[in-house]
Amino acid sequence: MSSSGLRWGVVHLYSSFNNTLILITDITGAETIAKATGGMMVKADREKPSPYAAMLAATKAAQQALERGINAVHVRVRATGGSGPKIPGPGAQAAIRALARAGLLIGQIEDVT
């Protein structure tokens, strides 16, 4: 733990037009702290890419991270890329807001598509 009392982690946020995946690791990326997807939160397949499902997934992952001692995160947003769209899906912005509302301090947000 640093002298300021912050324990940093990294949120790997993959947002496509079909689903949103959220993975929280320690700062090195070696240990997985929490993991959630939009598809895990809703029943209907048509709701997987929605901002609501992304918000629920981010809230669940943030709660797990807080329980394990991570209280500050850097967010790495990734879109489909390659031959697909280079912009994140509809759940990316909602997920970042939900992480902040859940009590995680957000250090920096970067696009790693």
PDB file of N, CA and C in Angstrom:
ATOM      1  N   MET A   1       0.848  -1.175   0.000  1.00  0.00           N
ATOM      2  CA  MET A   1       0.000   0.000   0.000  1.00  0.00           C
ATOM      3  C   MET A   1       0.888   1.231   0.000  1.00  0.00           C
ATOM      4  N   SER A   2       0.529   2.215  -0.792  1.00  0.00           N
ATOM      5  CA  SER A   2       1.338   3.419  -0.887  1.00  0.00           C
ATOM      6  C   SER A   2       1.127   4.290   0.348  1.00  0.00           C
ATOM      7  N   SER A   3       1.963   5.314   0.466  1.00  0.00           N
ATOM      8  CA  SER A   3       1.894   6.180   1.635  1.00  0.00           C
ATOM      9  C   SER A   3       0.591   6.969   1.693  1.00  0.00           C
ATOM     10  N   SER A   4      -0.053   7.185   0.552  1.00  0.00           N
ATOM     11  CA  SER A   4      -1.299   7.945   0.540  1.00  0.00           C
ATOM     12  C   SER A   4      -2.518   7.084   0.874  1.00  0.00           C
ATOM     13  N   GLY A   5      -2.317   5.783   1.062  1.00  0.00           N
ATOM     14  CA  GLY A   5      -3.418   4.896   1.409  1.00  0.00           C
ATOM     15  C   GLY A   5      -4.186   4.364   0.219  1.00  0.00           C
ATOM     16  N   LEU A   6      -3.718   4.655  -0.989  1.00  0.00           N
ATOM     17  CA  LEU A   6      -4.396   4.168  -2.188  1.00  0.00           C
ATOM     18  C   LEU A   6      -3.769   2.869  -2.647  1.00  0.00           C
ATOM     19  N   ARG A   7      -4.605   1.919  -2.998  1.00  0.00           N
ATOM     20  CA  ARG A   7      -4.143   0.666  -3.590  1.00  0.00           C
ATOM     21  C   ARG A   7      -4.670   0.614  -5.005  1.00  0.00           C
ATOM     22  N   TRP A   8      -3.774   0.686  -5.971  1.00  0.00           N
ATOM     23  CA  TRP A   8      -4.151   0.843  -7.370  1.00  0.00           C
ATOM     24  C   TRP A   8      -4.400  -0.477  -8.057  1.00  0.00           C
ATOM     25  N   GLY A   9      -5.325  -0.453  -8.991  1.00  0.00           N
ATOM     26  CA  GLY A   9      -5.610  -1.576  -9.863  1.00  0.00           C
ATOM     27  C   GLY A   9      -5.831  -1.053 -11.272  1.00  0.00           C
ATOM     28  N   VAL A  10      -6.056  -1.966 -12.205  1.00  0.00           N
ATOM     29  CA  VAL A  10      -6.302  -1.589 -13.596  1.00  0.00           C
ATOM     30  C   VAL A  10      -7.624  -2.212 -14.037  1.00  0.00           C
ATOM     31  N   VAL A  11      -8.502  -1.397 -14.599  1.00  0.00           N
ATOM     32  CA  VAL A  11      -9.762  -1.887 -15.152  1.00  0.00           C
ATOM     33  C   VAL A  11      -9.572  -2.048 -16.654  1.00  0.00           C
ATOM     34  N   HIS A  12      -9.681  -3.271 -17.134  1.00  0.00           N
ATOM     35  CA  HIS A  12      -9.638  -3.550 -18.565  1.00  0.00           C
ATOM     36  C   HIS A  12     -11.094  -3.632 -19.022  1.00  0.00           C
ATOM     37  N   LEU A  13     -11.525  -2.649 -19.779  1.00  0.00           N
ATOM     38  CA  LEU A  13     -12.926  -2.519 -20.180  1.00  0.00           C
ATOM     39  C   LEU A  13     -13.025  -2.724 -21.684  1.00  0.00           C
ATOM     40  N   TYR A  14     -13.605  -3.853 -22.089  1.00  0.00           N
ATOM     41  CA  TYR A  14     -13.794  -4.150 -23.512  1.00  0.00           C
ATOM     42  C   TYR A  14     -15.260  -3.950 -23.833  1.00  0.00           C
ATOM     43  N   SER A  15     -15.544  -2.991 -24.685  1.00  0.00           N
ATOM     44  CA  SER A  15     -16.927  -2.665 -25.005  1.00  0.00           C
ATOM     45  C   SER A  15     -17.157  -2.782 -26.508  1.00  0.00           C
ATOM     46  N   SER A  16     -17.946  -3.777 -26.896  1.00  0.00           N
ATOM     47  CA  SER A  16     -18.300  -3.944 -28.304  1.00  0.00           C
ATOM     48  C   SER A  16     -19.791  -3.644 -28.450  1.00  0.00           C
ATOM     49  N   PHE A  17     -20.301  -3.816 -29.651  1.00  0.00           N
ATOM     50  CA  PHE A  17     -21.727  -3.588 -29.867  1.00  0.00           C
ATOM     51  C   PHE A  17     -22.543  -4.840 -29.562  1.00  0.00           C
ATOM     52  N   ASN A  18     -21.886  -5.887 -29.017  1.00  0.00           N
ATOM     53  CA  ASN A  18     -22.584  -7.104 -28.625  1.00  0.00           C
ATOM     54  C   ASN A  18     -22.537  -7.370 -27.124  1.00  0.00           C
ATOM     55  N   ASN A  19     -21.561  -6.812 -26.414  1.00  0.00           N
ATOM     56  CA  ASN A  19     -21.409  -7.094 -24.989  1.00  0.00           C
ATOM     57  C   ASN A  19     -20.389  -6.125 -24.403  1.00  0.00           C
ATOM     58  N   THR A  20     -20.303  -6.082 -23.069  1.00  0.00           N
ATOM     59  CA  THR A  20     -19.298  -5.296 -22.363  1.00  0.00           C
ATOM     60  C   THR A  20     -18.639  -6.203 -21.335  1.00  0.00           C
ATOM     61  N   LEU A  21     -17.312  -6.293 -21.379  1.00  0.00           N
ATOM     62  CA  LEU A  21     -16.556  -7.132 -20.455  1.00  0.00           C
ATOM     63  C   LEU A  21     -15.699  -6.237 -19.568  1.00  0.00           C
ATOM     64  N   ILE A  22     -15.711  -6.507 -18.264  1.00  0.00           N
ATOM     65  CA  ILE A  22     -14.946  -5.717 -17.310  1.00  0.00           C
ATOM     66  C   ILE A  22     -14.068  -6.657 -16.506  1.00  0.00           C
ATOM     67  N   LEU A  23     -12.771  -6.386 -16.519  1.00  0.00           N
ATOM     68  CA  LEU A  23     -11.799  -7.197 -15.797  1.00  0.00           C
ATOM     69  C   LEU A  23     -10.950  -6.248 -14.962  1.00  0.00           C
ATOM     70  N   ILE A  24     -10.886  -6.476 -13.660  1.00  0.00           N
ATOM     71  CA  ILE A  24     -10.063  -5.645 -12.782  1.00  0.00           C
ATOM     72  C   ILE A  24      -8.888  -6.485 -12.309  1.00  0.00           C
ATOM     73  N   THR A  25      -7.669  -5.974 -12.554  1.00  0.00           N
ATOM     74  CA  THR A  25      -6.453  -6.672 -12.144  1.00  0.00           C
ATOM     75  C   THR A  25      -5.655  -5.782 -11.201  1.00  0.00           C
ATOM     76  N   ASP A  26      -4.606  -6.364 -10.608  1.00  0.00           N
ATOM     77  CA  ASP A  26      -3.691  -5.531  -9.837  1.00  0.00           C
ATOM     78  C   ASP A  26      -2.906  -4.654 -10.812  1.00  0.00           C
ATOM     79  N   ILE A  27      -2.048  -3.791 -10.299  1.00  0.00           N
ATOM     80  CA  ILE A  27      -1.382  -2.800 -11.148  1.00  0.00           C
ATOM     81  C   ILE A  27      -0.452  -3.451 -12.168  1.00  0.00           C
ATOM     82  N   THR A  28       0.057  -4.648 -11.883  1.00  0.00           N
ATOM     83  CA  THR A  28       0.936  -5.327 -12.837  1.00  0.00           C
ATOM     84  C   THR A  28       0.143  -6.085 -13.892  1.00  0.00           C
ATOM     85  N   GLY A  29      -1.119  -6.361 -13.631  1.00  0.00           N
ATOM     86  CA  GLY A  29      -1.945  -7.116 -14.565  1.00  0.00           C
ATOM     87  C   GLY A  29      -1.829  -8.615 -14.382  1.00  0.00           C
ATOM     88  N   ALA A  30      -1.073  -9.057 -13.377  1.00  0.00           N
ATOM     89  CA  ALA A  30      -0.829 -10.483 -13.188  1.00  0.00           C
ATOM     90  C   ALA A  30      -1.971 -11.185 -12.455  1.00  0.00           C
ATOM     91  N   GLU A  31      -2.586 -10.512 -11.505  1.00  0.00           N
ATOM     92  CA  GLU A  31      -3.616 -11.153 -10.681  1.00  0.00           C
ATOM     93  C   GLU A  31      -4.989 -10.556 -10.990  1.00  0.00           C
ATOM     94  N   THR A  32      -5.955 -11.408 -11.270  1.00  0.00           N
ATOM     95  CA  THR A  32      -7.320 -10.958 -11.524  1.00  0.00           C
ATOM     96  C   THR A  32      -8.027 -10.725 -10.197  1.00  0.00           C
ATOM     97  N   ILE A  33      -8.550  -9.526 -10.022  1.00  0.00           N
ATOM     98  CA  ILE A  33      -9.259  -9.165  -8.792  1.00  0.00           C
ATOM     99  C   ILE A  33     -10.754  -9.421  -8.948  1.00  0.00           C
ATOM    100  N   ALA A  34     -11.326  -8.977 -10.064  1.00  0.00           N
ATOM    101  CA  ALA A  34     -12.767  -9.121 -10.290  1.00  0.00           C
ATOM    102  C   ALA A  34     -13.033  -9.192 -11.785  1.00  0.00           C
ATOM    103  N   LYS A  35     -14.160  -9.822 -12.122  1.00  0.00           N
ATOM    104  CA  LYS A  35     -14.518  -9.970 -13.530  1.00  0.00           C
ATOM    105  C   LYS A  35     -16.035 -10.015 -13.635  1.00  0.00           C
ATOM    106  N   ALA A  36     -16.580  -9.306 -14.633  1.00  0.00           N
ATOM    107  CA  ALA A  36     -18.027  -9.310 -14.864  1.00  0.00           C
ATOM    108  C   ALA A  36     -18.295  -8.917 -16.311  1.00  0.00           C
ATOM    109  N   THR A  37     -19.417  -9.382 -16.834  1.00  0.00           N
ATOM    110  CA  THR A  37     -19.824  -9.017 -18.191  1.00  0.00           C
ATOM    111  C   THR A  37     -21.281  -8.591 -18.180  1.00  0.00           C
ATOM    112  N   GLY A  38     -21.675  -7.890 -19.224  1.00  0.00           N
ATOM    113  CA  GLY A  38     -23.070  -7.494 -19.350  1.00  0.00           C
ATOM    114  C   GLY A  38     -23.986  -8.695 -19.471  1.00  0.00           C
ATOM    115  N   GLY A  39     -23.512  -9.746 -20.134  1.00  0.00           N
ATOM    116  CA  GLY A  39     -24.306 -10.954 -20.302  1.00  0.00           C
ATOM    117  C   GLY A  39     -24.557 -11.699 -19.008  1.00  0.00           C
ATOM    118  N   MET A  40     -23.673 -11.515 -18.006  1.00  0.00           N
ATOM    119  CA  MET A  40     -23.867 -12.160 -16.707  1.00  0.00           C
ATOM    120  C   MET A  40     -24.961 -11.466 -15.895  1.00  0.00           C
ATOM    121  N   MET A  41     -25.295 -10.223 -16.251  1.00  0.00           N
ATOM    122  CA  MET A  41     -26.192  -9.415 -15.437  1.00  0.00           C
ATOM    123  C   MET A  41     -27.641  -9.432 -15.908  1.00  0.00           C
ATOM    124  N   VAL A  42     -27.872  -9.731 -17.188  1.00  0.00           N
ATOM    125  CA  VAL A  42     -29.235  -9.673 -17.729  1.00  0.00           C
ATOM    126  C   VAL A  42     -29.628 -11.031 -18.290  1.00  0.00           C
ATOM    127  N   LYS A  43     -30.936 -11.249 -18.401  1.00  0.00           N
ATOM    128  CA  LYS A  43     -31.430 -12.542 -18.883  1.00  0.00           C
ATOM    129  C   LYS A  43     -31.493 -12.601 -20.403  1.00  0.00           C
ATOM    130  N   ALA A  44     -31.994 -11.549 -21.034  1.00  0.00           N
ATOM    131  CA  ALA A  44     -32.218 -11.581 -22.478  1.00  0.00           C
ATOM    132  C   ALA A  44     -30.942 -11.219 -23.235  1.00  0.00           C
ATOM    133  N   ASP A  45     -30.663 -11.936 -24.312  1.00  0.00           N
ATOM    134  CA  ASP A  45     -29.476 -11.668 -25.118  1.00  0.00           C
ATOM    135  C   ASP A  45     -29.505 -10.276 -25.740  1.00  0.00           C
ATOM    136  N   ARG A  46     -30.681  -9.786 -26.037  1.00  0.00           N
ATOM    137  CA  ARG A  46     -30.773  -8.478 -26.684  1.00  0.00           C
ATOM    138  C   ARG A  46     -30.370  -7.344 -25.745  1.00  0.00           C
ATOM    139  N   GLU A  47     -30.306  -7.608 -24.432  1.00  0.00           N
ATOM    140  CA  GLU A  47     -29.949  -6.570 -23.468  1.00  0.00           C
ATOM    141  C   GLU A  47     -28.461  -6.557 -23.128  1.00  0.00           C
ATOM    142  N   LYS A  48     -27.696  -7.536 -23.620  1.00  0.00           N
ATOM    143  CA  LYS A  48     -26.270  -7.614 -23.287  1.00  0.00           C
ATOM    144  C   LYS A  48     -25.480  -6.353 -23.632  1.00  0.00           C
ATOM    145  N   PRO A  49     -25.680  -5.757 -24.813  1.00  0.00           N
ATOM    146  CA  PRO A  49     -24.856  -4.581 -25.130  1.00  0.00           C
ATOM    147  C   PRO A  49     -25.362  -3.273 -24.528  1.00  0.00           C
ATOM    148  N   SER A  50     -26.421  -3.305 -23.748  1.00  0.00           N
ATOM    149  CA  SER A  50     -27.029  -2.068 -23.265  1.00  0.00           C
ATOM    150  C   SER A  50     -26.172  -1.403 -22.188  1.00  0.00           C
ATOM    151  N   PRO A  51     -26.282  -0.089 -22.067  1.00  0.00           N
ATOM    152  CA  PRO A  51     -25.574   0.618 -20.999  1.00  0.00           C
ATOM    153  C   PRO A  51     -26.016   0.156 -19.609  1.00  0.00           C
ATOM    154  N   TYR A  52     -27.267  -0.252 -19.472  1.00  0.00           N
ATOM    155  CA  TYR A  52     -27.754  -0.727 -18.174  1.00  0.00           C
ATOM    156  C   TYR A  52     -27.011  -1.988 -17.740  1.00  0.00           C
ATOM    157  N   ALA A  53     -26.825  -2.935 -18.649  1.00  0.00           N
ATOM    158  CA  ALA A  53     -26.093  -4.161 -18.323  1.00  0.00           C
ATOM    159  C   ALA A  53     -24.642  -3.842 -17.982  1.00  0.00           C
ATOM    160  N   ALA A  54     -24.040  -2.902 -18.706  1.00  0.00           N
ATOM    161  CA  ALA A  54     -22.658  -2.505 -18.425  1.00  0.00           C
ATOM    162  C   ALA A  54     -22.552  -1.852 -17.051  1.00  0.00           C
ATOM    163  N   MET A  55     -23.560  -1.056 -16.698  1.00  0.00           N
ATOM    164  CA  MET A  55     -23.566  -0.405 -15.391  1.00  0.00           C
ATOM    165  C   MET A  55     -23.651  -1.440 -14.269  1.00  0.00           C
ATOM    166  N   LEU A  56     -24.517  -2.441 -14.431  1.00  0.00           N
ATOM    167  CA  LEU A  56     -24.630  -3.491 -13.419  1.00  0.00           C
ATOM    168  C   LEU A  56     -23.329  -4.279 -13.292  1.00  0.00           C
ATOM    169  N   ALA A  57     -22.702  -4.592 -14.422  1.00  0.00           N
ATOM    170  CA  ALA A  57     -21.450  -5.346 -14.407  1.00  0.00           C
ATOM    171  C   ALA A  57     -20.342  -4.543 -13.733  1.00  0.00           C
ATOM    172  N   ALA A  58     -20.256  -3.255 -14.037  1.00  0.00           N
ATOM    173  CA  ALA A  58     -19.225  -2.408 -13.440  1.00  0.00           C
ATOM    174  C   ALA A  58     -19.434  -2.264 -11.937  1.00  0.00           C
ATOM    175  N   THR A  59     -20.678  -2.134 -11.514  1.00  0.00           N
ATOM    176  CA  THR A  59     -20.969  -2.019 -10.085  1.00  0.00           C
ATOM    177  C   THR A  59     -20.570  -3.288  -9.347  1.00  0.00           C
ATOM    178  N   LYS A  60     -20.885  -4.442  -9.928  1.00  0.00           N
ATOM    179  CA  LYS A  60     -20.524  -5.717  -9.300  1.00  0.00           C
ATOM    180  C   LYS A  60     -19.008  -5.879  -9.216  1.00  0.00           C
ATOM    181  N   ALA A  61     -18.300  -5.572 -10.301  1.00  0.00           N
ATOM    182  CA  ALA A  61     -16.845  -5.697 -10.310  1.00  0.00           C
ATOM    183  C   ALA A  61     -16.209  -4.723  -9.321  1.00  0.00           C
ATOM    184  N   ALA A  62     -16.740  -3.505  -9.235  1.00  0.00           N
ATOM    185  CA  ALA A  62     -16.200  -2.514  -8.306  1.00  0.00           C
ATOM    186  C   ALA A  62     -16.388  -2.957  -6.859  1.00  0.00           C
ATOM    187  N   GLN A  63     -17.534  -3.538  -6.535  1.00  0.00           N
ATOM    188  CA  GLN A  63     -17.763  -4.028  -5.175  1.00  0.00           C
ATOM    189  C   GLN A  63     -16.775  -5.132  -4.819  1.00  0.00           C
ATOM    190  N   GLN A  64     -16.524  -6.044  -5.763  1.00  0.00           N
ATOM    191  CA  GLN A  64     -15.555  -7.113  -5.514  1.00  0.00           C
ATOM    192  C   GLN A  64     -14.158  -6.541  -5.320  1.00  0.00           C
ATOM    193  N   ALA A  65     -13.799  -5.531  -6.104  1.00  0.00           N
ATOM    194  CA  ALA A  65     -12.476  -4.920  -5.980  1.00  0.00           C
ATOM    195  C   ALA A  65     -12.326  -4.205  -4.641  1.00  0.00           C
ATOM    196  N   LEU A  66     -13.362  -3.493  -4.222  1.00  0.00           N
ATOM    197  CA  LEU A  66     -13.305  -2.800  -2.937  1.00  0.00           C
ATOM    198  C   LEU A  66     -13.183  -3.791  -1.783  1.00  0.00           C
ATOM    199  N   GLU A  67     -13.865  -4.929  -1.886  1.00  0.00           N
ATOM    200  CA  GLU A  67     -13.760  -5.960  -0.850  1.00  0.00           C
ATOM    201  C   GLU A  67     -12.344  -6.518  -0.757  1.00  0.00           C
ATOM    202  N   ARG A  68     -11.636  -6.556  -1.883  1.00  0.00           N
ATOM    203  CA  ARG A  68     -10.279  -7.102  -1.907  1.00  0.00           C
ATOM    204  C   ARG A  68      -9.213  -6.032  -1.715  1.00  0.00           C
ATOM    205  N   GLY A  69      -9.615  -4.793  -1.413  1.00  0.00           N
ATOM    206  CA  GLY A  69      -8.656  -3.760  -1.041  1.00  0.00           C
ATOM    207  C   GLY A  69      -8.241  -2.792  -2.131  1.00  0.00           C
ATOM    208  N   ILE A  70      -8.739  -2.949  -3.339  1.00  0.00           N
ATOM    209  CA  ILE A  70      -8.414  -2.002  -4.412  1.00  0.00           C
ATOM    210  C   ILE A  70      -9.357  -0.811  -4.276  1.00  0.00           C
ATOM    211  N   ASN A  71      -8.804   0.408  -4.144  1.00  0.00           N
ATOM    212  CA  ASN A  71      -9.677   1.567  -3.997  1.00  0.00           C
ATOM    213  C   ASN A  71      -9.407   2.656  -5.036  1.00  0.00           C
ATOM    214  N   ALA A  72      -8.466   2.431  -5.945  1.00  0.00           N
ATOM    215  CA  ALA A  72      -8.187   3.383  -7.018  1.00  0.00           C
ATOM    216  C   ALA A  72      -7.808   2.591  -8.265  1.00  0.00           C
ATOM    217  N   VAL A  73      -8.240   3.062  -9.430  1.00  0.00           N
ATOM    218  CA  VAL A  73      -8.001   2.302 -10.660  1.00  0.00           C
ATOM    219  C   VAL A  73      -7.623   3.220 -11.817  1.00  0.00           C
ATOM    220  N   HIS A  74      -6.880   2.653 -12.755  1.00  0.00           N
ATOM    221  CA  HIS A  74      -6.673   3.243 -14.072  1.00  0.00           C
ATOM    222  C   HIS A  74      -7.567   2.452 -15.018  1.00  0.00           C
ATOM    223  N   VAL A  75      -8.234   3.127 -15.934  1.00  0.00           N
ATOM    224  CA  VAL A  75      -9.180   2.474 -16.836  1.00  0.00           C
ATOM    225  C   VAL A  75      -8.577   2.403 -18.233  1.00  0.00           C
ATOM    226  N   ARG A  76      -8.549   1.203 -18.802  1.00  0.00           N
ATOM    227  CA  ARG A  76      -8.079   0.987 -20.174  1.00  0.00           C
ATOM    228  C   ARG A  76      -9.275   0.535 -21.000  1.00  0.00           C
ATOM    229  N   VAL A  77      -9.770   1.402 -21.876  1.00  0.00           N
ATOM    230  CA  VAL A  77     -10.958   1.120 -22.677  1.00  0.00           C
ATOM    231  C   VAL A  77     -10.523   0.560 -24.027  1.00  0.00           C
ATOM    232  N   ARG A  78     -11.158  -0.530 -24.435  1.00  0.00           N
ATOM    233  CA  ARG A  78     -10.827  -1.161 -25.710  1.00  0.00           C
ATOM    234  C   ARG A  78     -12.109  -1.362 -26.508  1.00  0.00           C
ATOM    235  N   ALA A  79     -12.041  -1.069 -27.797  1.00  0.00           N
ATOM    236  CA  ALA A  79     -13.155  -1.317 -28.713  1.00  0.00           C
ATOM    237  C   ALA A  79     -12.843  -2.564 -29.524  1.00  0.00           C
ATOM    238  N   THR A  80     -13.704  -2.893 -30.455  1.00  0.00           N
ATOM    239  CA  THR A  80     -13.512  -4.093 -31.258  1.00  0.00           C
ATOM    240  C   THR A  80     -12.218  -4.021 -32.054  1.00  0.00           C
ATOM    241  N   GLY A  81     -11.995  -2.930 -32.780  1.00  0.00           N
ATOM    242  CA  GLY A  81     -10.759  -2.752 -33.537  1.00  0.00           C
ATOM    243  C   GLY A  81     -10.638  -3.707 -34.706  1.00  0.00           C
ATOM    244  N   GLY A  82      -9.437  -3.820 -35.251  1.00  0.00           N
ATOM    245  CA  GLY A  82      -9.216  -4.676 -36.410  1.00  0.00           C
ATOM    246  C   GLY A  82     -10.037  -4.190 -37.587  1.00  0.00           C
ATOM    247  N   SER A  83     -10.846  -5.073 -38.155  1.00  0.00           N
ATOM    248  CA  SER A  83     -11.715  -4.665 -39.256  1.00  0.00           C
ATOM    249  C   SER A  83     -13.067  -4.181 -38.749  1.00  0.00           C
ATOM    250  N   GLY A  84     -13.280  -4.234 -37.428  1.00  0.00           N
ATOM    251  CA  GLY A  84     -14.529  -3.776 -36.836  1.00  0.00           C
ATOM    252  C   GLY A  84     -14.470  -2.299 -36.492  1.00  0.00           C
ATOM    253  N   PRO A  85     -15.483  -1.804 -35.790  1.00  0.00           N
ATOM    254  CA  PRO A  85     -15.501  -0.383 -35.431  1.00  0.00           C
ATOM    255  C   PRO A  85     -14.397  -0.047 -34.430  1.00  0.00           C
ATOM    256  N   LYS A  86     -13.827   1.141 -34.575  1.00  0.00           N
ATOM    257  CA  LYS A  86     -12.735   1.565 -33.705  1.00  0.00           C
ATOM    258  C   LYS A  86     -13.235   2.404 -32.525  1.00  0.00           C
ATOM    259  N   ILE A  87     -14.548   2.503 -32.373  1.00  0.00           N
ATOM    260  CA  ILE A  87     -15.099   3.254 -31.251  1.00  0.00           C
ATOM    261  C   ILE A  87     -15.720   2.270 -30.265  1.00  0.00           C
ATOM    262  N   PRO A  88     -15.619   2.549 -28.965  1.00  0.00           N
ATOM    263  CA  PRO A  88     -16.203   1.641 -27.967  1.00  0.00           C
ATOM    264  C   PRO A  88     -17.719   1.562 -28.104  1.00  0.00           C
ATOM    265  N   GLY A  89     -18.284   0.471 -27.615  1.00  0.00           N
ATOM    266  CA  GLY A  89     -19.718   0.248 -27.678  1.00  0.00           C
ATOM    267  C   GLY A  89     -20.477   1.137 -26.710  1.00  0.00           C
ATOM    268  N   PRO A  90     -21.795   0.977 -26.658  1.00  0.00           N
ATOM    269  CA  PRO A  90     -22.634   1.857 -25.848  1.00  0.00           C
ATOM    270  C   PRO A  90     -22.442   1.692 -24.343  1.00  0.00           C
ATOM    271  N   GLY A  91     -21.828   0.598 -23.910  1.00  0.00           N
ATOM    272  CA  GLY A  91     -21.690   0.372 -22.481  1.00  0.00           C
ATOM    273  C   GLY A  91     -20.463   0.981 -21.844  1.00  0.00           C
ATOM    274  N   ALA A  92     -19.521   1.489 -22.627  1.00  0.00           N
ATOM    275  CA  ALA A  92     -18.246   1.959 -22.075  1.00  0.00           C
ATOM    276  C   ALA A  92     -18.425   3.147 -21.133  1.00  0.00           C
ATOM    277  N   GLN A  93     -19.136   4.159 -21.582  1.00  0.00           N
ATOM    278  CA  GLN A  93     -19.291   5.356 -20.765  1.00  0.00           C
ATOM    279  C   GLN A  93     -20.098   5.058 -19.500  1.00  0.00           C
ATOM    280  N   ALA A  94     -21.143   4.265 -19.622  1.00  0.00           N
ATOM    281  CA  ALA A  94     -21.960   3.911 -18.459  1.00  0.00           C
ATOM    282  C   ALA A  94     -21.142   3.117 -17.448  1.00  0.00           C
ATOM    283  N   ALA A  95     -20.261   2.240 -17.925  1.00  0.00           N
ATOM    284  CA  ALA A  95     -19.443   1.439 -17.019  1.00  0.00           C
ATOM    285  C   ALA A  95     -18.458   2.311 -16.248  1.00  0.00           C
ATOM    286  N   ILE A  96     -17.844   3.278 -16.922  1.00  0.00           N
ATOM    287  CA  ILE A  96     -16.888   4.160 -16.243  1.00  0.00           C
ATOM    288  C   ILE A  96     -17.598   4.988 -15.178  1.00  0.00           C
ATOM    289  N   ARG A  97     -18.780   5.493 -15.496  1.00  0.00           N
ATOM    290  CA  ARG A  97     -19.543   6.257 -14.503  1.00  0.00           C
ATOM    291  C   ARG A  97     -19.925   5.389 -13.310  1.00  0.00           C
ATOM    292  N   ALA A  98     -20.307   4.141 -13.572  1.00  0.00           N
ATOM    293  CA  ALA A  98     -20.699   3.241 -12.484  1.00  0.00           C
ATOM    294  C   ALA A  98     -19.508   2.920 -11.585  1.00  0.00           C
ATOM    295  N   LEU A  99     -18.316   2.781 -12.160  1.00  0.00           N
ATOM    296  CA  LEU A  99     -17.119   2.537 -11.350  1.00  0.00           C
ATOM    297  C   LEU A  99     -16.877   3.700 -10.392  1.00  0.00           C
ATOM    298  N   ALA A 100     -17.025   4.922 -10.888  1.00  0.00           N
ATOM    299  CA  ALA A 100     -16.818   6.099 -10.046  1.00  0.00           C
ATOM    300  C   ALA A 100     -17.890   6.195  -8.965  1.00  0.00           C
ATOM    301  N   ARG A 101     -19.135   5.909  -9.323  1.00  0.00           N
ATOM    302  CA  ARG A 101     -20.225   5.967  -8.345  1.00  0.00           C
ATOM    303  C   ARG A 101     -20.091   4.909  -7.266  1.00  0.00           C
ATOM    304  N   ALA A 102     -19.482   3.777  -7.615  1.00  0.00           N
ATOM    305  CA  ALA A 102     -19.338   2.687  -6.648  1.00  0.00           C
ATOM    306  C   ALA A 102     -18.268   2.985  -5.602  1.00  0.00           C
ATOM    307  N   GLY A 103     -17.483   4.035  -5.800  1.00  0.00           N
ATOM    308  CA  GLY A 103     -16.505   4.418  -4.790  1.00  0.00           C
ATOM    309  C   GLY A 103     -15.055   4.236  -5.191  1.00  0.00           C
ATOM    310  N   LEU A 104     -14.796   3.826  -6.421  1.00  0.00           N
ATOM    311  CA  LEU A 104     -13.411   3.699  -6.877  1.00  0.00           C
ATOM    312  C   LEU A 104     -12.912   5.054  -7.373  1.00  0.00           C
ATOM    313  N   LEU A 105     -11.700   5.411  -6.974  1.00  0.00           N
ATOM    314  CA  LEU A 105     -11.064   6.621  -7.484  1.00  0.00           C
ATOM    315  C   LEU A 105     -10.472   6.300  -8.850  1.00  0.00           C
ATOM    316  N   ILE A 106     -10.775   7.112  -9.852  1.00  0.00           N
ATOM    317  CA  ILE A 106     -10.287   6.852 -11.205  1.00  0.00           C
ATOM    318  C   ILE A 106      -9.094   7.755 -11.476  1.00  0.00           C
ATOM    319  N   GLY A 107      -7.952   7.130 -11.775  1.00  0.00           N
ATOM    320  CA  GLY A 107      -6.729   7.879 -12.026  1.00  0.00           C
ATOM    321  C   GLY A 107      -6.663   8.394 -13.447  1.00  0.00           C
ATOM    322  N   GLN A 108      -6.590   7.504 -14.414  1.00  0.00           N
ATOM    323  CA  GLN A 108      -6.535   7.926 -15.808  1.00  0.00           C
ATOM    324  C   GLN A 108      -7.366   6.979 -16.658  1.00  0.00           C
ATOM    325  N   ILE A 109      -7.862   7.501 -17.767  1.00  0.00           N
ATOM    326  CA  ILE A 109      -8.654   6.719 -18.712  1.00  0.00           C
ATOM    327  C   ILE A 109      -7.929   6.775 -20.046  1.00  0.00           C
ATOM    328  N   GLU A 110      -7.628   5.609 -20.612  1.00  0.00           N
ATOM    329  CA  GLU A 110      -6.949   5.595 -21.902  1.00  0.00           C
ATOM    330  C   GLU A 110      -7.610   4.598 -22.840  1.00  0.00           C
ATOM    331  N   ASP A 111      -7.549   4.909 -24.129  1.00  0.00           N
ATOM    332  CA  ASP A 111      -8.093   4.034 -25.159  1.00  0.00           C
ATOM    333  C   ASP A 111      -6.954   3.185 -25.698  1.00  0.00           C
ATOM    334  N   VAL A 112      -7.084   1.870 -25.598  1.00  0.00           N
ATOM    335  CA  VAL A 112      -6.016   0.964 -26.032  1.00  0.00           C
ATOM    336  C   VAL A 112      -6.454   0.112 -27.216  1.00  0.00           C
ATOM    337  N   THR A 113      -7.427   0.607 -27.993  1.00  0.00           N
ATOM    338  CA  THR A 113      -7.888  -0.131 -29.161  1.00  0.00           C
ATOM    339  C   THR A 113      -6.744  -0.276 -30.117  1.00  0.00           C
TER     340      THR A 113
END
